[in-house]
Amino acid sequence: MKNRVMICMAGVFGLLCLSGKALGAEATGEFPDLTPYIVTPPSGAAPRFNGAKVFGVRPGSPIQYTVAVSGQRPMTYSAEGLPEGAAFDMENGLLRGAVKKPGTYLIKLRATNAVGKAERQLKLVVGDRFALTPPMGCNTYGGLGPFVDEKGVRASARAMANKLRDFGYCYVNIDDGWQGERGGPFNAIQPNEKFGDMKKLCNDLHAMGLKVGNYSTPWRTSYEGFVGGSSDSEDGAWAKLPRGKGKGWTHGPYRFEINDAHQAAAWGIDYFKYDWGIDSVALAKAMGEALLAQPRDIVLELSNTAPFEDAAAYTAIGTMTRTDGDLVDVWSKTQLDASKQKWALGVRDLWVSHKRWQAYNRPGHWNMPCPLRVGLLGGWDRKPLRPSRLTVDEQFSHISLWCLWSAPIIIGAPLETLDPFTLSLLTNSEMLDVNQDPIGLQAVNLDVPGGEVLVKRLEDGTVAVGLFNIGEEPSTVTVTWEQAQVRGPQRVRDLWRHKDLGVFSDRFSAADIPRHGVVVVRLFPAESGTK
């Protein structure tokens, strides 16, 4: 048994700092070769269940659950214990139908391929809550900005189905830029010329085992200058207004939450981002009630920068609440031009503000930091896409934080452009298990010598711990069992590498963590004796 032994990380994570240089300094649109920095083993050929172990749906609402299993194809699926009204597609692993009777139903899932089989118990909860684990998917804004079109959405959907769906990703969220003018049977926002039949788009993505999100604002005009959810006219007529506060970014006297909610449900929308400088509980509540009145479950993201003093009110309305402003791909906003520092945040800036929201994270409501800033980015700048400017170590810390926070994992890059390194960050099954843990706790943040430690208790009683170096030089970071609230010897497993590090008696130390780097471990009670 190891007692107060330090595990030196310089030989593994020390490779990752790339001399501290950012990766996307020039807008090349191409990735540097980061394959030497992949530390996660590739997925095995045998079936492995990923994603949510618990799924919530309201009585009578359509069930849309895709069984997420990595492994060699072809693969077949089976399900036992389905409640009345539920149906299962054994060829594609899709749980569908609708269950009218409230209750908790335990469904035994099985996946089989030529190499082996795997089983998992899915807890289907039919009640008044849904989104019982953090949503996983993508958002178009980081890559496409206001130029999003149906072609780009379908490209990301195909990439998600091929590369990410087996790890639990399902939401393809269309951000600002899809909106045309009001019309249709509900006098609701219709798509502009860049999109065709929205119902067909939703149906096609649903058939792929995916879900669809769209975007609006209670303002007259969205951030990017498209029609909003309110108007100066009773009929919703809209004239393009200049972007900015005191202009288009203001509330009109006539509001159309019910119209737009009806239209979203009729199309088959599953996720609704409501985006403005959050300033009104009443406006958020009106949109929330309009969506809850629909015959399908629609996730509501309230965005952005919800005032913390009203956290209890906003988190009782939305499925997700944005805890701060817009994250960009830097560690600190001090790396940005002064003009961007007024609105943009780095990973560390957002970390400092997000941790105070810990008490409001729970199944059915998730504290939303921002979409991820890895991969090719820059759609918001109207410039050619470039690799994330975060160093490799900072990218590991970025993803580790979101997993330990039980935060929604929403990718902000075009999925069809993801390189092998970024895919390895996004498909680490053991890290995603921490993110999708059913009790949904946001990790406790502890200040310790040499850095910070995040501690997250999991459903099975084990504990995930992130040891972060927030400084500018390599550092040793230690967590004691008292800090982790565990007792006795613990088997320590490195989650990024899928590697057991040994049994430790009362603490674990990681030495030489690079600047802005991290080591994430999981603590399992060890049997008596030495290993």
Protein backbone atom coordinates (compact mmCIF):
# COMPACT_ATOMS: atom_id res chain seq x y z
CA MET A 1 0.00 0.00 0.00
CA LYS A 2 1.24 3.46 -0.88
CA ASN A 3 1.24 5.94 1.97
CA ARG A 4 1.53 9.62 1.08
CA VAL A 5 3.34 8.70 -2.10
CA MET A 6 3.35 11.29 -4.87
CA ILE A 7 2.59 10.17 -8.40
CA CYS A 8 4.71 12.22 -10.80
CA MET A 9 2.72 13.32 -13.84
CA ALA A 10 5.55 15.04 -15.69
CA GLY A 11 6.16 12.05 -17.90
CA VAL A 12 2.59 12.00 -19.18
CA PHE A 13 0.72 15.27 -18.72
CA GLY A 14 4.02 17.10 -18.83
CA LEU A 15 4.04 16.38 -22.55
CA LEU A 16 0.86 18.32 -22.98
CA CYS A 17 1.85 21.90 -22.29
CA LEU A 18 3.36 22.48 -25.77
CA SER A 19 5.76 25.02 -24.24
CA GLY A 20 2.71 26.90 -23.00
CA LYS A 21 1.85 28.11 -26.49
CA ALA A 22 -1.74 28.44 -27.58
CA LEU A 23 -2.75 26.15 -30.41
CA GLY A 24 -4.83 28.45 -32.56
CA ALA A 25 -2.76 31.58 -32.78
CA GLU A 26 -3.30 31.85 -36.53
CA ALA A 27 -6.58 31.43 -38.40
CA THR A 28 -5.49 28.52 -40.57
CA GLY A 29 -8.64 26.42 -40.31
CA GLU A 30 -6.40 23.38 -39.91
CA PHE A 31 -5.38 21.44 -36.82
CA PRO A 32 -1.82 20.90 -35.71
CA ASP A 33 -1.06 17.21 -35.26
CA LEU A 34 -2.07 16.56 -31.65
CA THR A 35 -2.18 12.78 -31.82
CA PRO A 36 0.95 12.49 -29.61
CA TYR A 37 -1.09 14.07 -26.81
CA ILE A 38 -3.95 11.57 -26.83
CA VAL A 39 -3.83 9.76 -23.49
CA THR A 40 -7.20 7.98 -23.47
CA PRO A 41 -7.14 4.40 -24.82
CA PRO A 42 -9.38 3.84 -27.86
CA SER A 43 -12.78 2.29 -27.25
CA GLY A 44 -12.72 -1.48 -27.24
CA ALA A 45 -14.52 -3.80 -29.64
CA ALA A 46 -16.77 -5.27 -26.92
CA PRO A 47 -20.06 -3.44 -26.21
CA ARG A 48 -19.90 -0.76 -23.49
CA PHE A 49 -22.92 1.21 -22.32
CA ASN A 50 -22.47 4.99 -22.10
CA GLY A 51 -24.70 7.97 -21.46
CA ALA A 52 -27.66 8.30 -19.14
CA LYS A 53 -28.67 5.53 -16.73
CA VAL A 54 -31.87 7.37 -15.85
CA PHE A 55 -34.32 9.00 -18.23
CA GLY A 56 -37.24 11.24 -17.30
CA VAL A 57 -40.39 11.88 -19.32
CA ARG A 58 -43.77 13.39 -18.50
CA PRO A 59 -46.86 11.18 -18.69
CA GLY A 60 -48.01 10.93 -22.31
CA SER A 61 -45.02 12.78 -23.75
CA PRO A 62 -43.10 11.06 -26.56
CA ILE A 63 -40.16 9.00 -25.31
CA GLN A 64 -36.95 9.68 -27.23
CA TYR A 65 -34.12 7.67 -25.69
CA THR A 66 -31.26 6.32 -27.77
CA VAL A 67 -29.26 3.49 -26.24
CA ALA A 68 -25.63 4.68 -26.31
CA VAL A 69 -23.22 1.76 -26.72
CA SER A 70 -19.69 1.87 -28.08
CA GLY A 71 -18.12 -1.18 -29.67
CA GLN A 72 -17.76 -3.07 -32.90
CA ARG A 73 -20.65 -3.06 -35.37
CA PRO A 74 -22.97 -4.66 -36.30
CA MET A 75 -24.72 -4.66 -32.92
CA THR A 76 -28.17 -5.77 -31.81
CA TYR A 77 -30.16 -4.60 -28.82
CA SER A 78 -32.90 -5.91 -26.56
CA ALA A 79 -35.00 -4.52 -23.72
CA GLU A 80 -36.96 -6.28 -20.98
CA GLY A 81 -39.50 -4.78 -18.60
CA LEU A 82 -41.02 -2.16 -20.89
CA PRO A 83 -44.05 -0.41 -19.39
CA GLU A 84 -47.32 -0.21 -21.27
CA GLY A 85 -47.04 2.29 -24.11
CA ALA A 86 -43.28 2.00 -24.58
CA ALA A 87 -41.74 0.39 -27.67
CA PHE A 88 -38.18 -0.66 -28.47
CA ASP A 89 -36.39 -0.79 -31.82
CA MET A 90 -34.05 -3.77 -31.43
CA GLU A 91 -32.10 -3.05 -34.59
CA ASN A 92 -31.25 0.58 -33.81
CA GLY A 93 -31.50 0.69 -30.02
CA LEU A 94 -34.24 3.31 -29.86
CA LEU A 95 -36.74 3.49 -26.99
CA ARG A 96 -39.91 5.18 -28.20
CA GLY A 97 -43.64 5.39 -27.47
CA ALA A 98 -45.44 7.17 -24.62
CA VAL A 99 -46.30 6.01 -21.10
CA LYS A 100 -49.37 7.50 -19.46
CA LYS A 101 -49.03 6.00 -15.98
CA PRO A 102 -46.59 7.83 -13.67
CA GLY A 103 -44.00 5.70 -11.96
CA THR A 104 -40.44 4.43 -12.03
CA TYR A 105 -39.81 1.54 -14.39
CA LEU A 106 -36.65 -0.56 -14.47
CA ILE A 107 -35.76 -1.70 -17.97
CA LYS A 108 -33.02 -4.25 -18.61
CA LEU A 109 -31.05 -3.32 -21.72
CA ARG A 110 -28.69 -5.67 -23.55
CA ALA A 111 -26.30 -5.00 -26.44
CA THR A 112 -24.62 -7.83 -28.36
CA ASN A 113 -22.01 -7.97 -31.10
CA ALA A 114 -19.55 -10.54 -32.45
CA VAL A 115 -17.14 -9.89 -29.56
CA GLY A 116 -19.49 -10.09 -26.59
CA LYS A 117 -22.46 -8.55 -24.83
CA ALA A 118 -23.15 -5.94 -22.16
CA GLU A 119 -26.13 -5.18 -19.93
CA ARG A 120 -27.41 -2.10 -18.16
CA GLN A 121 -30.46 -1.24 -16.10
CA LEU A 122 -32.21 1.89 -17.33
CA LYS A 123 -34.43 3.70 -14.85
CA LEU A 124 -37.35 5.24 -16.76
CA VAL A 125 -39.01 7.87 -14.56
CA VAL A 126 -42.46 8.95 -15.74
CA GLY A 127 -43.30 12.05 -13.74
CA ASP A 128 -43.12 15.82 -13.74
CA ARG A 129 -39.40 16.15 -14.53
CA PHE A 130 -37.22 15.39 -17.52
CA ALA A 131 -33.55 16.01 -18.43
CA LEU A 132 -32.54 13.99 -15.37
CA THR A 133 -28.91 13.96 -16.55
CA PRO A 134 -26.98 16.84 -18.16
CA PRO A 135 -27.86 17.24 -21.85
CA MET A 136 -25.12 16.27 -24.32
CA GLY A 137 -24.93 17.60 -27.85
CA CYS A 138 -23.69 20.50 -29.95
CA ASN A 139 -24.51 24.13 -30.71
CA THR A 140 -23.97 25.76 -34.10
CA TYR A 141 -22.86 29.22 -33.00
CA GLY A 142 -19.19 28.55 -32.21
CA GLY A 143 -18.53 27.19 -35.68
CA LEU A 144 -21.14 28.75 -37.96
CA GLY A 145 -22.19 31.87 -36.10
CA PRO A 146 -25.12 33.70 -37.74
CA PHE A 147 -24.39 31.94 -41.05
CA VAL A 148 -25.89 28.66 -39.86
CA ASP A 149 -27.91 26.86 -42.52
CA GLU A 150 -29.66 23.53 -42.93
CA LYS A 151 -26.71 22.04 -44.79
CA GLY A 152 -24.42 22.75 -41.84
CA VAL A 153 -26.94 21.39 -39.35
CA ARG A 154 -27.31 18.15 -41.28
CA ALA A 155 -23.53 17.82 -41.57
CA SER A 156 -23.17 18.07 -37.80
CA ALA A 157 -26.03 15.61 -37.33
CA ARG A 158 -24.34 13.03 -39.55
CA ALA A 159 -21.08 13.49 -37.69
CA MET A 160 -22.83 13.12 -34.33
CA ALA A 161 -24.54 9.92 -35.44
CA ASN A 162 -21.26 8.49 -36.72
CA LYS A 163 -18.83 9.59 -34.01
CA LEU A 164 -20.60 10.73 -30.84
CA ARG A 165 -24.06 9.22 -30.46
CA ASP A 166 -22.62 5.98 -29.04
CA PHE A 167 -21.20 8.01 -26.15
CA GLY A 168 -24.50 9.69 -25.21
CA TYR A 169 -24.57 12.81 -27.41
CA CYS A 170 -27.93 13.53 -29.01
CA TYR A 171 -28.86 17.26 -29.19
CA VAL A 172 -28.16 19.20 -32.40
CA ASN A 173 -28.96 22.78 -31.42
CA ILE A 174 -29.50 25.51 -34.01
CA ASP A 175 -28.45 28.87 -32.60
CA ASP A 176 -29.06 32.45 -33.72
CA GLY A 177 -29.39 32.84 -37.48
CA TRP A 178 -32.22 30.47 -38.49
CA GLN A 179 -35.08 32.96 -37.95
CA GLY A 180 -37.14 34.45 -40.76
CA GLU A 181 -40.40 36.31 -40.11
CA ARG A 182 -43.62 35.47 -38.31
CA GLY A 183 -46.26 33.41 -40.03
CA GLY A 184 -47.64 29.91 -40.35
CA PRO A 185 -50.60 28.45 -38.45
CA PHE A 186 -49.43 29.85 -35.09
CA ASN A 187 -48.13 33.25 -36.26
CA ALA A 188 -44.77 32.05 -34.99
CA ILE A 189 -41.21 32.62 -36.14
CA GLN A 190 -40.63 30.75 -39.39
CA PRO A 191 -37.26 29.69 -40.82
CA ASN A 192 -35.45 31.98 -43.23
CA GLU A 193 -34.25 31.12 -46.72
CA LYS A 194 -31.31 29.06 -45.39
CA PHE A 195 -33.68 26.36 -44.12
CA GLY A 196 -36.41 24.27 -45.71
CA ASP A 197 -39.09 22.20 -43.99
CA MET A 198 -38.33 22.32 -40.25
CA LYS A 199 -40.65 19.45 -39.42
CA LYS A 200 -38.88 17.24 -41.95
CA LEU A 201 -35.51 18.26 -40.50
CA CYS A 202 -36.69 17.27 -37.02
CA ASN A 203 -38.16 13.99 -38.25
CA ASP A 204 -34.96 13.10 -40.08
CA LEU A 205 -32.78 13.75 -37.04
CA HIS A 206 -35.17 11.88 -34.75
CA ALA A 207 -34.89 8.87 -37.07
CA MET A 208 -31.11 9.04 -36.55
CA GLY A 209 -31.58 8.79 -32.79
CA LEU A 210 -30.89 12.50 -32.33
CA LYS A 211 -32.79 15.52 -31.02
CA VAL A 212 -33.14 19.07 -32.32
CA GLY A 213 -32.85 22.45 -30.64
CA ASN A 214 -33.59 25.98 -31.79
CA TYR A 215 -33.17 29.52 -30.57
CA SER A 216 -35.08 32.69 -29.75
CA THR A 217 -35.05 35.75 -27.52
CA PRO A 218 -37.71 37.82 -25.73
CA TRP A 219 -36.19 40.93 -27.34
CA ARG A 220 -37.49 42.53 -30.52
CA THR A 221 -34.28 41.50 -32.28
CA SER A 222 -31.78 38.77 -31.48
CA TYR A 223 -28.11 39.32 -30.77
CA GLU A 224 -27.32 38.71 -34.44
CA GLY A 225 -30.10 40.90 -35.79
CA PHE A 226 -32.90 38.39 -36.50
CA VAL A 227 -36.57 38.51 -35.51
CA GLY A 228 -37.21 38.09 -31.80
CA GLY A 229 -40.00 36.98 -29.51
CA SER A 230 -41.62 40.38 -29.02
CA SER A 231 -42.77 43.18 -31.29
CA ASP A 232 -44.08 46.71 -31.44
CA SER A 233 -47.04 45.39 -33.45
CA GLU A 234 -49.91 43.26 -32.21
CA ASP A 235 -49.58 41.02 -35.28
CA GLY A 236 -45.88 40.48 -34.65
CA ALA A 237 -44.72 42.43 -37.68
CA TRP A 238 -40.98 42.96 -37.59
CA ALA A 239 -38.68 45.57 -39.03
CA LYS A 240 -34.97 44.95 -38.76
CA LEU A 241 -33.54 47.07 -35.97
CA PRO A 242 -29.92 47.91 -35.26
CA ARG A 243 -28.17 45.54 -32.88
CA GLY A 244 -27.46 46.95 -29.45
CA LYS A 245 -28.95 47.96 -26.16
CA GLY A 246 -31.61 50.62 -26.47
CA LYS A 247 -32.28 49.47 -30.03
CA GLY A 248 -33.22 45.98 -31.11
CA TRP A 249 -32.05 44.48 -27.84
CA THR A 250 -35.14 45.62 -25.95
CA HIS A 251 -38.52 44.12 -25.10
CA GLY A 252 -41.51 44.94 -27.28
CA PRO A 253 -44.99 45.44 -25.79
CA TYR A 254 -46.44 42.43 -27.65
CA ARG A 255 -45.06 39.00 -26.80
CA PHE A 256 -45.34 35.66 -28.58
CA GLU A 257 -44.14 32.95 -26.20
CA ILE A 258 -47.23 30.78 -26.70
CA ASN A 259 -47.11 31.12 -30.50
CA ASP A 260 -43.46 30.11 -30.68
CA ALA A 261 -43.87 27.26 -28.19
CA HIS A 262 -46.76 25.80 -30.20
CA GLN A 263 -44.70 25.99 -33.37
CA ALA A 264 -41.66 24.38 -31.74
CA ALA A 265 -43.76 21.46 -30.53
CA ALA A 266 -45.48 21.06 -33.90
CA TRP A 267 -42.11 20.81 -35.64
CA GLY A 268 -40.75 18.37 -33.07
CA ILE A 269 -38.22 20.63 -31.36
CA ASP A 270 -36.64 19.12 -28.24
CA TYR A 271 -34.53 21.99 -26.89
CA PHE A 272 -35.23 25.72 -26.78
CA LYS A 273 -32.51 28.28 -26.06
CA TYR A 274 -33.98 31.57 -24.83
CA ASP A 275 -31.21 34.14 -25.07
CA TRP A 276 -30.92 37.69 -23.83
CA GLY A 277 -29.30 39.66 -21.03
CA ILE A 278 -31.47 37.94 -18.43
CA ASP A 279 -33.35 40.63 -16.54
CA SER A 280 -36.85 39.33 -15.81
CA VAL A 281 -38.11 36.31 -13.90
CA ALA A 282 -41.56 37.00 -15.35
CA LEU A 283 -40.33 36.70 -18.95
CA ALA A 284 -38.47 33.49 -18.19
CA LYS A 285 -41.52 32.08 -16.43
CA ALA A 286 -43.81 32.93 -19.35
CA MET A 287 -41.60 31.03 -21.79
CA GLY A 288 -41.21 28.14 -19.37
CA GLU A 289 -44.96 27.80 -18.90
CA ALA A 290 -45.58 28.00 -22.64
CA LEU A 291 -43.17 25.12 -23.28
CA LEU A 292 -44.50 23.01 -20.40
CA ALA A 293 -48.00 23.35 -21.87
CA GLN A 294 -46.88 21.49 -25.00
CA PRO A 295 -47.52 17.76 -25.55
CA ARG A 296 -43.79 16.99 -25.75
CA ASP A 297 -40.85 17.58 -23.41
CA ILE A 298 -38.76 20.57 -24.50
CA VAL A 299 -35.59 21.48 -22.62
CA LEU A 300 -35.44 25.21 -21.81
CA GLU A 301 -32.03 26.88 -21.63
CA LEU A 302 -32.19 30.34 -20.06
CA SER A 303 -29.28 32.35 -21.42
CA ASN A 304 -27.23 34.32 -20.47
CA THR A 305 -25.69 35.72 -17.30
CA ALA A 306 -28.57 35.01 -14.95
CA PRO A 307 -28.29 37.27 -11.88
CA PHE A 308 -27.14 35.15 -8.97
CA GLU A 309 -29.38 36.95 -6.49
CA ASP A 310 -32.35 35.46 -8.37
CA ALA A 311 -30.82 32.01 -8.82
CA ALA A 312 -33.58 30.21 -6.92
CA ALA A 313 -36.27 31.71 -9.15
CA TYR A 314 -34.55 31.10 -12.49
CA THR A 315 -33.44 27.57 -11.67
CA ALA A 316 -37.03 26.68 -10.76
CA ILE A 317 -38.10 27.66 -14.30
CA GLY A 318 -35.50 26.51 -16.78
CA THR A 319 -34.02 23.10 -17.40
CA MET A 320 -30.68 24.87 -17.75
CA THR A 321 -29.55 28.29 -16.56
CA ARG A 322 -26.49 30.07 -17.98
CA THR A 323 -24.46 31.14 -14.98
CA ASP A 324 -22.37 33.81 -16.71
CA GLY A 325 -21.57 35.38 -20.08
CA ASP A 326 -19.89 34.01 -23.19
CA LEU A 327 -16.87 31.75 -22.88
CA VAL A 328 -14.14 32.09 -25.50
CA ASP A 329 -11.13 29.86 -26.06
CA VAL A 330 -8.63 31.43 -23.67
CA TRP A 331 -7.66 30.67 -20.08
CA SER A 332 -8.13 34.26 -18.91
CA LYS A 333 -9.91 37.16 -20.55
CA THR A 334 -6.80 39.24 -19.89
CA GLN A 335 -5.41 37.49 -22.98
CA LEU A 336 -8.03 39.29 -25.10
CA ASP A 337 -8.28 42.76 -26.56
CA ALA A 338 -9.79 45.32 -24.20
CA SER A 339 -12.97 45.52 -26.28
CA LYS A 340 -13.62 41.79 -25.94
CA GLN A 341 -12.88 41.78 -22.22
CA LYS A 342 -16.15 43.67 -21.75
CA TRP A 343 -18.22 40.62 -22.71
CA ALA A 344 -15.99 37.55 -23.01
CA LEU A 345 -14.73 35.15 -20.37
CA GLY A 346 -11.85 32.72 -20.20
CA VAL A 347 -12.08 29.27 -18.64
CA ARG A 348 -10.66 30.48 -15.34
CA ASP A 349 -12.95 33.53 -15.22
CA LEU A 350 -16.01 31.37 -15.72
CA TRP A 351 -14.75 28.82 -13.18
CA VAL A 352 -14.56 31.49 -10.47
CA SER A 353 -18.14 32.65 -11.06
CA HIS A 354 -19.70 29.23 -11.74
CA LYS A 355 -18.72 27.54 -8.48
CA ARG A 356 -21.09 29.68 -6.41
CA TRP A 357 -24.04 28.08 -8.23
CA GLN A 358 -23.29 24.63 -6.78
CA ALA A 359 -26.44 24.35 -4.65
CA TYR A 360 -28.72 24.81 -7.67
CA ASN A 361 -27.48 21.88 -9.76
CA ARG A 362 -29.79 18.86 -9.65
CA PRO A 363 -31.58 16.33 -11.88
CA GLY A 364 -34.07 18.34 -13.91
CA HIS A 365 -32.06 21.56 -13.65
CA TRP A 366 -28.44 22.03 -14.71
CA ASN A 367 -26.13 24.98 -14.18
CA MET A 368 -24.94 25.79 -17.70
CA PRO A 369 -21.45 27.35 -17.95
CA CYS A 370 -21.34 27.70 -21.78
CA PRO A 371 -20.76 25.45 -24.79
CA LEU A 372 -17.31 23.89 -25.00
CA ARG A 373 -14.44 25.75 -26.64
CA VAL A 374 -12.47 22.91 -28.21
CA GLY A 375 -12.09 22.05 -31.89
CA LEU A 376 -12.34 24.53 -34.77
CA LEU A 377 -13.90 27.77 -33.55
CA GLY A 378 -14.50 31.39 -34.42
CA GLY A 379 -17.94 31.54 -36.02
CA TRP A 380 -18.82 34.44 -33.76
CA ASP A 381 -15.91 36.47 -35.21
CA ARG A 382 -17.03 36.14 -38.86
CA LYS A 383 -13.54 34.92 -39.72
CA PRO A 384 -12.11 31.61 -40.97
CA LEU A 385 -12.30 28.89 -38.36
CA ARG A 386 -9.16 28.21 -36.33
CA PRO A 387 -8.15 25.65 -33.70
CA SER A 388 -8.94 26.45 -30.08
CA ARG A 389 -6.38 28.79 -28.57
CA LEU A 390 -6.40 26.84 -25.32
CA THR A 391 -3.22 24.86 -24.68
CA VAL A 392 -3.65 21.11 -24.58
CA ASP A 393 -3.42 21.12 -20.78
CA GLU A 394 -6.08 23.84 -20.62
CA GLN A 395 -8.34 21.75 -22.83
CA PHE A 396 -8.01 18.80 -20.46
CA SER A 397 -8.86 21.12 -17.56
CA HIS A 398 -11.80 22.60 -19.49
CA ILE A 399 -13.43 19.22 -20.15
CA SER A 400 -12.59 17.98 -16.65
CA LEU A 401 -14.39 20.94 -15.07
CA TRP A 402 -17.57 20.37 -17.09
CA CYS A 403 -17.58 16.67 -16.17
CA LEU A 404 -16.98 17.31 -12.46
CA TRP A 405 -19.61 20.05 -12.46
CA SER A 406 -22.30 17.80 -13.99
CA ALA A 407 -22.61 20.55 -16.59
CA PRO A 408 -24.28 20.10 -19.98
CA ILE A 409 -21.71 18.92 -22.52
CA ILE A 410 -22.59 21.05 -25.54
CA ILE A 411 -19.87 21.11 -28.21
CA GLY A 412 -19.30 24.52 -29.79
CA ALA A 413 -17.48 23.39 -32.95
CA PRO A 414 -18.74 21.88 -36.24
CA LEU A 415 -18.74 18.17 -35.50
CA GLU A 416 -17.69 17.15 -39.00
CA THR A 417 -14.37 18.98 -38.45
CA LEU A 418 -13.34 17.30 -35.18
CA ASP A 419 -9.79 15.95 -35.16
CA PRO A 420 -8.70 12.74 -33.37
CA PHE A 421 -7.36 14.59 -30.32
CA THR A 422 -10.57 16.58 -29.78
CA LEU A 423 -12.64 13.45 -30.29
CA SER A 424 -10.57 11.73 -27.61
CA LEU A 425 -11.40 14.56 -25.21
CA LEU A 426 -15.12 14.27 -25.95
CA THR A 427 -15.46 10.48 -25.91
CA ASN A 428 -13.60 9.42 -22.78
CA SER A 429 -16.16 7.01 -21.38
CA GLU A 430 -14.95 7.15 -17.77
CA MET A 431 -14.98 10.95 -17.69
CA LEU A 432 -18.45 11.00 -19.25
CA ASP A 433 -19.62 8.53 -16.60
CA VAL A 434 -18.72 11.20 -14.03
CA ASN A 435 -20.62 13.85 -15.97
CA GLN A 436 -23.72 11.67 -16.40
CA ASP A 437 -23.80 10.31 -12.84
CA PRO A 438 -27.49 10.04 -11.85
CA ILE A 439 -27.35 12.06 -8.63
CA GLY A 440 -26.09 15.06 -10.59
CA LEU A 441 -23.97 16.83 -8.00
CA GLN A 442 -21.77 19.79 -8.90
CA ALA A 443 -18.33 19.17 -7.43
CA VAL A 444 -17.22 20.97 -4.27
CA ASN A 445 -14.33 23.36 -4.92
CA LEU A 446 -11.45 23.36 -2.39
CA ASP A 447 -8.43 25.66 -2.27
CA VAL A 448 -5.29 23.65 -1.50
CA PRO A 449 -1.54 24.33 -1.64
CA GLY A 450 -0.38 24.30 -5.24
CA GLY A 451 -3.80 24.59 -6.84
CA GLU A 452 -7.45 23.67 -6.40
CA VAL A 453 -9.25 20.37 -5.85
CA LEU A 454 -12.78 19.52 -7.00
CA VAL A 455 -14.53 16.67 -5.17
CA LYS A 456 -17.66 14.99 -6.54
CA ARG A 457 -19.52 12.16 -4.82
CA LEU A 458 -21.07 9.64 -7.21
CA GLU A 459 -24.14 7.43 -7.04
CA ASP A 460 -22.24 4.26 -6.12
CA GLY A 461 -20.47 5.94 -3.19
CA THR A 462 -17.16 6.41 -4.97
CA VAL A 463 -15.66 9.87 -5.37
CA ALA A 464 -14.23 11.66 -8.41
CA VAL A 465 -11.47 14.16 -7.68
CA GLY A 466 -9.91 16.74 -9.97
CA LEU A 467 -6.49 18.06 -8.96
CA PHE A 468 -5.90 21.33 -10.84
CA ASN A 469 -2.81 23.49 -11.18
CA ILE A 470 -4.10 27.03 -11.68
CA GLY A 471 -0.61 28.54 -11.50
CA GLU A 472 2.00 29.39 -14.10
CA GLU A 473 4.61 26.82 -13.06
CA PRO A 474 4.42 23.02 -12.58
CA SER A 475 2.93 22.18 -9.20
CA THR A 476 2.17 19.32 -6.83
CA VAL A 477 -1.47 19.08 -5.74
CA THR A 478 -2.72 16.81 -2.93
CA VAL A 479 -6.14 15.65 -1.79
CA THR A 480 -6.57 14.06 1.62
CA TRP A 481 -9.22 11.48 2.38
CA GLU A 482 -10.70 13.93 4.90
CA GLN A 483 -11.15 16.47 2.11
CA ALA A 484 -12.63 13.81 -0.16
CA GLN A 485 -14.87 12.59 2.70
CA VAL A 486 -13.77 8.96 2.38
CA ARG A 487 -12.27 6.60 4.94
CA GLY A 488 -9.72 3.85 4.80
CA PRO A 489 -7.45 2.76 1.97
CA GLN A 490 -8.61 3.79 -1.48
CA ARG A 491 -7.85 2.36 -4.89
CA VAL A 492 -7.02 5.32 -7.12
CA ARG A 493 -7.83 5.22 -10.83
CA ASP A 494 -6.71 7.78 -13.41
CA LEU A 495 -9.83 8.55 -15.45
CA TRP A 496 -8.18 10.18 -18.44
CA ARG A 497 -5.84 7.20 -18.93
CA HIS A 498 -8.16 4.42 -17.69
CA LYS A 499 -5.31 3.26 -15.48
CA ASP A 500 -5.18 2.10 -11.85
CA LEU A 501 -2.47 3.96 -9.92
CA GLY A 502 -2.47 1.82 -6.77
CA VAL A 503 -3.90 1.77 -3.25
CA PHE A 504 -3.31 4.76 -0.97
CA SER A 505 -3.87 5.02 2.77
CA ASP A 506 -4.91 8.60 3.54
CA ARG A 507 -4.14 10.93 0.61
CA PHE A 508 -3.16 11.17 -3.02
CA SER A 509 -0.68 13.61 -4.53
CA ALA A 510 0.01 14.38 -8.17
CA ALA A 511 3.42 15.93 -8.73
CA ASP A 512 4.56 18.22 -11.53
CA ILE A 513 1.13 18.98 -12.95
CA PRO A 514 1.84 21.46 -15.78
CA ARG A 515 0.53 25.03 -15.70
CA HIS A 516 -3.25 25.08 -16.05
CA GLY A 517 -3.24 21.27 -16.14
CA VAL A 518 -5.21 18.61 -14.29
CA VAL A 519 -5.22 15.05 -13.04
CA VAL A 520 -8.64 13.44 -12.52
CA VAL A 521 -8.94 10.30 -10.38
CA ARG A 522 -11.70 8.18 -8.94
CA LEU A 523 -11.46 6.78 -5.42
CA PHE A 524 -12.76 3.25 -4.78
CA PRO A 525 -12.73 1.65 -1.32
CA ALA A 526 -9.88 -0.88 -1.28
CA GLU A 527 -10.11 -4.29 0.31
CA SER A 528 -8.05 -4.75 3.48
CA GLY A 529 -4.40 -5.59 2.95
CA THR A 530 -1.88 -4.33 0.44
CA LYS A 531 -1.95 -4.41 -3.32
